[in-house]
Each structure stands twice: as structure tokens, then as C-alpha cells.
Protein backbone atom coordinates (compact mmCIF):
# COMPACT_ATOMS: atom_id res chain seq x y z
CA MET A 1 96.94 92.13 110.38
CA SER A 2 97.49 95.33 108.47
CA ASP A 3 96.78 95.14 104.75
CA SER A 4 97.75 97.39 101.91
CA ILE A 5 95.16 98.89 99.58
CA GLU A 6 96.03 96.38 96.86
CA SER A 7 95.59 93.34 99.12
CA LEU A 8 92.33 94.75 100.52
CA TYR A 9 91.09 95.32 96.97
CA ARG A 10 91.85 91.69 96.05
CA ARG A 11 90.17 90.50 99.26
CA MET A 12 87.11 92.63 98.45
CA GLU A 13 86.88 91.17 94.92
CA ARG A 14 87.18 87.59 96.23
CA ALA A 15 84.50 88.24 98.84
CA ALA A 16 82.16 89.77 96.25
CA LEU A 17 82.63 86.79 93.92
CA ALA A 18 81.86 84.47 96.84
CA LEU A 19 78.72 86.58 97.53
CA ASP A 20 80.08 87.56 100.96
CA PHE A 21 78.98 91.17 100.67
CA GLU A 22 79.51 91.99 104.35
CA GLU A 23 83.23 91.19 104.05
CA ALA A 24 83.42 93.10 100.76
CA LYS A 25 81.81 96.10 102.48
CA ARG A 26 84.34 95.98 105.33
CA CYS A 27 87.21 95.87 102.83
CA ARG A 28 85.74 98.79 100.87
CA ASP A 29 85.43 100.89 104.03
CA GLN A 30 89.01 100.06 105.08
CA ILE A 31 90.27 101.05 101.62
CA ALA A 32 88.44 104.39 101.96
CA LEU A 33 90.06 104.98 105.36
CA LEU A 34 93.51 104.17 104.01
CA ARG A 35 93.02 106.52 101.08
CA GLY A 36 91.87 109.19 103.53
CA GLY A 37 95.16 109.01 105.44
CA ALA A 38 94.50 106.45 108.19
CA THR A 39 97.25 104.04 109.14
CA PRO A 40 96.67 100.33 108.33
CA ASP A 41 96.26 99.56 112.05
CA GLU A 42 93.66 102.33 112.46
CA ALA A 43 91.77 101.05 109.42
CA GLU A 44 91.81 97.52 110.84
CA ARG A 45 90.44 98.65 114.23
CA ALA A 46 87.80 101.02 112.83
CA ASP A 47 84.20 100.35 113.83
CA PHE A 48 81.75 100.76 110.94
CA ALA A 49 78.66 99.63 112.88
CA GLY A 50 76.90 103.02 112.90
CA LEU A 51 78.00 104.10 109.44
CA GLU A 52 75.16 104.82 107.03
CA ARG A 53 75.82 105.17 103.34
CA GLN A 54 73.92 107.68 101.27
CA GLU A 55 71.04 106.12 99.39
CA PRO A 56 70.24 106.89 95.77
CA GLY A 57 67.75 109.74 95.55
CA ALA A 58 68.74 111.17 98.93
CA MET A 59 70.26 114.21 97.25
CA GLY A 60 68.20 117.14 96.06
CA LEU A 61 67.91 117.52 92.31
CA GLY A 62 70.69 119.73 90.97
CA THR A 63 72.40 120.25 94.31
CA SER A 64 75.34 118.77 96.14
CA GLN A 65 73.68 119.02 99.54
CA GLN A 66 72.05 116.03 101.13
CA ARG A 67 68.43 116.34 102.25
CA LEU A 68 68.12 116.47 106.00
CA THR A 69 65.51 114.43 107.78
CA PRO A 70 64.22 115.71 111.12
CA PRO A 71 64.58 113.51 114.20
CA PRO A 72 61.60 111.37 115.19
CA GLY A 73 58.89 113.33 116.98
CA TRP A 74 60.12 116.75 115.80
CA LYS A 75 57.40 119.24 114.94
CA PRO A 76 58.09 122.48 113.07
CA PRO A 77 57.60 125.67 115.10
CA ALA A 78 54.53 127.78 114.51
CA LYS A 79 54.95 130.41 111.83
CA PRO A 80 54.73 134.02 113.05
CA ASP A 81 51.89 136.24 111.92
CA PRO A 82 53.40 138.59 109.28
CA LEU A 83 51.04 141.44 110.26
CA THR A 84 52.20 141.53 113.87
CA ALA A 85 55.85 140.54 113.59
CA GLY A 86 58.27 143.20 114.81
CA ARG A 87 55.60 145.52 116.22
CA SER A 88 55.01 146.41 119.80
CA SER A 89 51.75 147.51 121.34
CA LYS A 90 53.33 150.62 122.93
CA GLY A 91 53.71 152.64 119.74
CA ARG A 92 50.18 152.18 118.43
CA ARG A 93 47.20 154.42 119.05
CA ARG A 94 44.05 152.79 120.18
CA ARG A 95 40.72 153.72 118.71
CA PRO A 96 38.01 154.72 121.20
């Protein structure tokens, strides 16, 4: 069953009025796919299970870039010592 954007929009409104927000969300995502250039059959078959929407406040203040969160268990690397970075021990004189 391939729907046009207008029929999906009406279906989304009916679902929202009936408090069926899961169906309204599916319709909204299909409308976005259709507007992005997908065919109606591709939009119907699309799997939105792993799709995460951006949450309010997830953007940095005054920027258009989303804040990145590190994967679980990630630890930042140790910072290098600024007094020894880029120096080798071969070029230095040793004091007696």
C-alpha cells in the first residue's frame, strides 16, 4: 500500500487525535522519506527501529553541530607532557 504525502499526513493527524503516537511517528517518518526522494514503496518498507531523533538540548549553544557522546567504556587518552613533546634524547647534552 503506497500512500501519497497528503494521505500520510491525514493518517498521521487521525492517529495523533486518537492518541496513537506510534502510528503518527511512522507516518511522519514515511513523509520525511518521501520528501527526501524515496519512492512510496521504499518508504513503506523502511525500517525505523534503530532511528534516534535528536533530543532538545543535544545541540551546543550557538552551533549547528550535535554534541558527540563517546561509546560506553571509552576513556580519553593520556595527555602528553608539553615539556617533552617533540624532543628526542639524542640531541641533548647530559650534565655530569
